[in-house]
Protein backbone atom coordinates (compact mmCIF):
# COMPACT_ATOMS: atom_id res chain seq x y z
CA MET A 1 -0.03 -0.02 0.01
CA ARG A 2 2.83 2.42 0.79
CA ARG A 3 4.46 1.83 -2.64
CA THR A 4 1.10 2.25 -4.34
CA TRP A 5 0.81 5.60 -2.60
CA TRP A 6 4.32 6.57 -3.62
CA ARG A 7 3.47 5.76 -7.27
CA ALA A 8 0.35 7.87 -7.09
CA LEU A 9 2.39 10.88 -5.72
CA ASP A 10 5.04 10.33 -8.32
CA TYR A 11 2.62 10.56 -11.24
CA ALA A 12 0.86 13.51 -9.59
CA CYS A 13 4.23 15.24 -9.69
CA VAL A 14 4.58 14.50 -13.39
CA LEU A 15 1.20 16.07 -14.09
CA ARG A 16 1.96 19.12 -12.03
CA TRP A 17 5.33 19.75 -13.72
CA GLN A 18 3.99 19.08 -17.17
CA VAL A 19 1.15 21.56 -16.68
CA ALA A 20 3.52 24.21 -15.13
CA GLY A 21 5.87 23.85 -18.16
CA LEU A 22 3.03 24.34 -20.66
CA LEU A 23 1.74 27.39 -18.85
CA SER A 24 5.05 29.03 -18.36
CA ARG A 25 6.15 31.86 -20.71
CA THR A 26 9.81 31.45 -19.91
CA GLY A 27 11.88 30.80 -23.04
CA PRO A 28 15.31 29.43 -23.75
CA ASP A 29 16.82 32.88 -24.54
CA GLU A 30 15.78 34.21 -21.09
CA LEU A 31 17.28 31.20 -19.27
CA ARG A 32 20.62 31.56 -21.08
CA ARG A 33 21.08 35.18 -20.05
CA PRO A 34 20.75 35.70 -16.24
CA ASP A 35 21.26 39.28 -15.00
CA HIS A 36 24.39 38.49 -13.00
CA PRO A 37 25.96 35.27 -14.35
CA VAL A 38 27.72 33.04 -11.78
CA GLY A 39 29.15 29.59 -11.92
CA PRO A 40 29.61 27.34 -14.99
CA PRO A 41 27.00 27.12 -17.74
CA VAL A 42 24.54 24.33 -17.27
CA VAL A 43 22.85 22.26 -19.94
CA LEU A 44 19.60 20.50 -18.92
CA VAL A 45 18.87 17.15 -20.53
CA PRO A 46 15.33 15.63 -19.76
CA GLY A 47 14.24 12.03 -19.77
CA VAL A 48 12.27 9.98 -22.28
CA TYR A 49 8.83 11.50 -23.12
CA GLU A 50 9.98 14.75 -21.46
CA SER A 51 10.56 18.07 -23.15
CA TRP A 52 12.97 20.59 -21.85
CA ARG A 53 9.97 22.34 -20.15
CA PHE A 54 9.57 19.39 -17.86
CA LEU A 55 12.82 20.45 -16.13
CA LEU A 56 11.76 24.08 -16.02
CA PRO A 57 11.49 24.07 -12.20
CA LEU A 58 15.22 23.18 -11.99
CA ALA A 59 16.02 25.67 -14.75
CA THR A 60 14.25 28.43 -12.89
CA LEU A 61 15.93 27.54 -9.61
CA LEU A 62 19.42 27.77 -11.17
CA HIS A 63 18.57 30.86 -13.32
CA ASP A 64 17.25 32.69 -10.20
CA HIS A 65 20.71 32.03 -8.59
CA GLY A 66 22.41 33.54 -11.60
CA VAL A 67 23.40 30.40 -13.51
CA ALA A 68 23.29 30.46 -17.33
CA VAL A 69 20.89 27.64 -18.20
CA HIS A 70 20.86 26.04 -21.64
CA VAL A 71 18.12 23.68 -22.88
CA LEU A 72 17.74 21.56 -26.02
CA PRO A 73 14.39 22.20 -27.67
CA ASP A 74 15.47 20.12 -30.65
CA LEU A 75 15.23 17.01 -28.40
CA ARG A 76 11.50 17.49 -28.42
CA ASP A 77 10.07 14.75 -26.15
CA ASN A 78 13.31 12.74 -26.28
CA ARG A 79 12.11 9.60 -27.95
CA ARG A 80 15.05 9.31 -30.36
CA PRO A 81 17.97 6.90 -29.65
CA VAL A 82 20.47 7.86 -27.03
CA ALA A 83 23.25 8.22 -29.64
CA ASP A 84 21.09 10.83 -31.47
CA GLY A 85 20.51 12.88 -28.30
CA ALA A 86 24.33 12.64 -27.47
CA ALA A 87 25.19 13.99 -30.98
CA LEU A 88 22.63 16.83 -30.61
CA LEU A 89 24.15 17.75 -27.25
CA GLY A 90 27.69 17.68 -28.61
CA ARG A 91 26.63 19.83 -31.57
CA TYR A 92 24.90 22.33 -29.31
CA LEU A 93 28.06 22.76 -27.16
CA ARG A 94 30.11 23.46 -30.32
CA GLU A 95 27.62 25.88 -31.80
CA GLN A 96 27.26 27.83 -28.54
CA ASP A 97 31.03 27.51 -27.92
CA LEU A 98 30.42 26.46 -24.34
CA HIS A 99 33.19 25.36 -22.04
CA ASP A 100 33.41 24.00 -18.47
CA VAL A 101 29.82 22.84 -18.83
CA VAL A 102 27.90 20.96 -16.13
CA VAL A 103 25.16 18.71 -17.54
CA VAL A 104 22.12 18.30 -15.24
CA ALA A 105 20.11 15.37 -16.48
CA HIS A 106 17.07 13.30 -15.56
CA SER A 107 16.72 9.62 -16.28
CA LYS A 108 17.56 8.95 -19.99
CA GLY A 109 19.19 12.36 -20.10
CA GLY A 110 21.98 10.93 -17.96
CA LEU A 111 22.69 8.22 -20.58
CA ILE A 112 22.76 11.00 -23.28
CA GLY A 113 25.08 13.01 -21.16
CA LYS A 114 27.49 10.19 -20.48
CA LEU A 115 27.63 9.20 -24.14
CA ALA A 116 28.26 12.79 -25.09
CA MET A 117 31.22 12.86 -22.62
CA VAL A 118 32.58 9.74 -24.14
CA ARG A 119 31.99 10.20 -27.86
CA GLU A 120 30.85 13.74 -28.66
CA ASP A 121 33.14 15.95 -26.65
CA PRO A 122 36.69 15.75 -28.04
CA GLY A 123 37.29 19.35 -26.86
CA ALA A 124 36.48 18.36 -23.23
CA ARG A 125 33.70 21.05 -23.07
CA ILE A 126 31.75 18.98 -20.46
CA ASP A 127 33.40 19.28 -17.10
CA ALA A 128 30.94 17.25 -15.05
CA MET A 129 27.45 15.81 -14.96
CA ILE A 130 24.78 15.54 -12.25
CA ALA A 131 22.39 12.76 -13.28
CA ILE A 132 19.14 12.17 -11.41
CA ASN A 133 17.53 8.72 -11.44
CA THR A 134 19.45 7.56 -14.54
CA PRO A 135 19.23 3.86 -15.50
CA PHE A 136 22.94 3.44 -16.06
CA ALA A 137 22.60 -0.32 -16.07
CA GLY A 138 19.15 -0.32 -17.78
CA SER A 139 15.84 -1.44 -16.39
CA ALA A 140 14.51 -4.94 -16.22
CA TYR A 141 11.01 -3.51 -16.72
CA ALA A 142 11.82 -2.14 -20.18
CA ARG A 143 11.49 -5.60 -21.77
CA TRP A 144 7.74 -5.53 -21.04
CA PHE A 145 7.22 -2.49 -23.26
CA LEU A 146 6.69 -2.41 -27.08
CA ALA A 147 7.66 1.19 -27.57
CA PRO A 148 11.27 1.45 -28.93
CA ALA A 149 11.87 4.58 -26.80
CA VAL A 150 11.40 2.44 -23.64
CA ARG A 151 12.74 -0.88 -24.84
CA ALA A 152 16.11 0.93 -25.34
CA PHE A 153 16.60 0.63 -21.60
CA VAL A 154 16.71 -3.22 -21.48
CA PRO A 155 19.91 -4.14 -19.60
CA ASN A 156 21.41 -5.93 -22.70
CA ASP A 157 20.78 -3.11 -25.18
CA ALA A 158 23.98 -2.35 -27.09
CA THR A 159 24.17 1.21 -25.96
CA ILE A 160 23.54 0.35 -22.27
CA VAL A 161 26.25 -2.35 -22.45
CA ALA A 162 28.71 -0.04 -24.19
CA LEU A 163 28.17 2.73 -21.73
CA SER A 164 28.60 0.41 -18.76
CA ALA A 165 32.02 -0.57 -20.14
CA GLU A 166 33.10 3.14 -20.43
CA ARG A 167 34.31 4.05 -16.96
CA ALA A 168 36.86 6.74 -17.58
CA VAL A 169 34.37 9.57 -17.26
CA ASN A 170 32.49 8.15 -14.21
CA GLU A 171 34.62 10.08 -11.74
CA ARG A 172 33.10 13.25 -13.23
CA ILE A 173 29.62 12.09 -12.69
CA THR A 174 27.44 12.46 -9.61
CA SER A 175 24.58 9.98 -9.57
CA VAL A 176 21.66 11.34 -7.53
CA HIS A 177 18.86 8.90 -7.07
CA SER A 178 15.93 7.94 -4.86
CA ARG A 179 15.92 5.16 -2.37
CA TRP A 180 13.15 3.54 -4.25
CA ASP A 181 12.54 4.01 -8.02
CA PRO A 182 9.56 2.21 -9.55
CA HIS A 183 11.08 2.49 -13.03
CA ILE A 184 14.60 1.39 -12.24
CA PRO A 185 14.41 -1.64 -9.87
CA GLY A 186 18.21 -2.12 -10.05
CA GLY A 187 18.94 1.46 -8.96
CA SER A 188 21.12 4.13 -10.44
CA ALA A 189 24.48 3.51 -8.71
CA LEU A 190 27.47 4.00 -11.02
CA ASP A 191 30.94 2.49 -10.36
CA GLY A 192 33.45 5.26 -9.73
CA ALA A 193 30.88 8.02 -9.59
CA GLN A 194 29.84 10.04 -6.54
CA ASP A 195 26.66 8.40 -5.22
CA VAL A 196 23.91 10.57 -3.53
CA VAL A 197 20.79 8.78 -2.21
CA LEU A 198 17.67 10.93 -1.62
CA ASP A 199 14.99 10.03 0.88
CA THR A 200 12.21 10.93 -1.53
CA PRO A 201 10.85 7.80 -3.26
CA GLY A 202 9.90 7.72 -6.85
CA HIS A 203 11.27 8.40 -10.34
CA PHE A 204 10.00 11.98 -10.77
CA ARG A 205 9.38 13.29 -7.24
CA PRO A 206 13.11 13.39 -6.41
CA LEU A 207 13.40 16.32 -8.88
CA ALA A 208 11.62 18.36 -6.21
CA ASP A 209 13.63 17.00 -3.30
CA PRO A 210 15.07 19.93 -1.26
CA ARG A 211 18.34 18.09 -0.84
CA LEU A 212 18.74 17.86 -4.60
CA HIS A 213 18.11 21.56 -4.94
CA ALA A 214 20.54 22.39 -2.20
CA LEU A 215 23.16 20.17 -3.88
CA LEU A 216 22.70 21.84 -7.25
CA VAL A 217 23.01 25.35 -5.77
CA GLU A 218 26.04 24.35 -3.81
CA ARG A 219 27.87 22.70 -6.78
CA LEU A 220 26.97 25.42 -9.35
CA VAL A 221 26.74 28.62 -7.32
CA GLY A 222 28.88 27.77 -4.28
CA THR A 223 26.24 28.48 -1.61
CA PRO A 224 26.38 25.98 1.20
CA PRO A 225 23.16 23.98 1.36
CA GLN A 226 20.75 24.64 4.25
CA ARG A 227 19.51 21.83 6.30
CA THR A 228 16.10 20.74 4.94
CA PRO A 229 13.74 18.02 6.20
CA PRO A 230 13.42 14.98 3.91
CA THR A 231 10.25 14.36 2.04
CA GLY A 232 8.52 11.06 2.64
């Protein structure tokens, strides 16, 4: 019963963030140009079936702290293969001539970010990545879906296997994940990466976890995080 309740809260969070993104008038140009830029540039990469607007609450949080936030509208709802997303991210970094970038990614976005670090970033434009609830080892549940966008997460998928073998960039990745994720039963731990476990259960609700927000502000702005009560 508790996990059923957690699932209901998780999808309520999805609905709330989707609606907020649709109603917002904030555009990519505004996010890229804060009044008083601080810290490294950030590129947000959403998960599967998520547009960049799904991560608008994180974008607004960072922008309000003076961070230049970049988004990838050309990803649309992020149903294309991980390799396509990584190529798009690499191309964007070159076109915008960004350096010392921190990628902040949710779910599939973390796979895109890691593949970009490995194959699409010969100029070392990406300094680090903070990935939230990313299926680095895939998800056993993906085999039960017919949609190619979801089946791409089966643990023996060629891209998943290849990324698991690429460990050189892991030390530049922080894997932030919930203590229980209904979409990733195997968890999001990544060998060699910094592991941060949030108390908030779910796949989407952790995006609103105060500890995650404090971590992002601390890493990207330099403000020490305030103590915040965990969400249940």
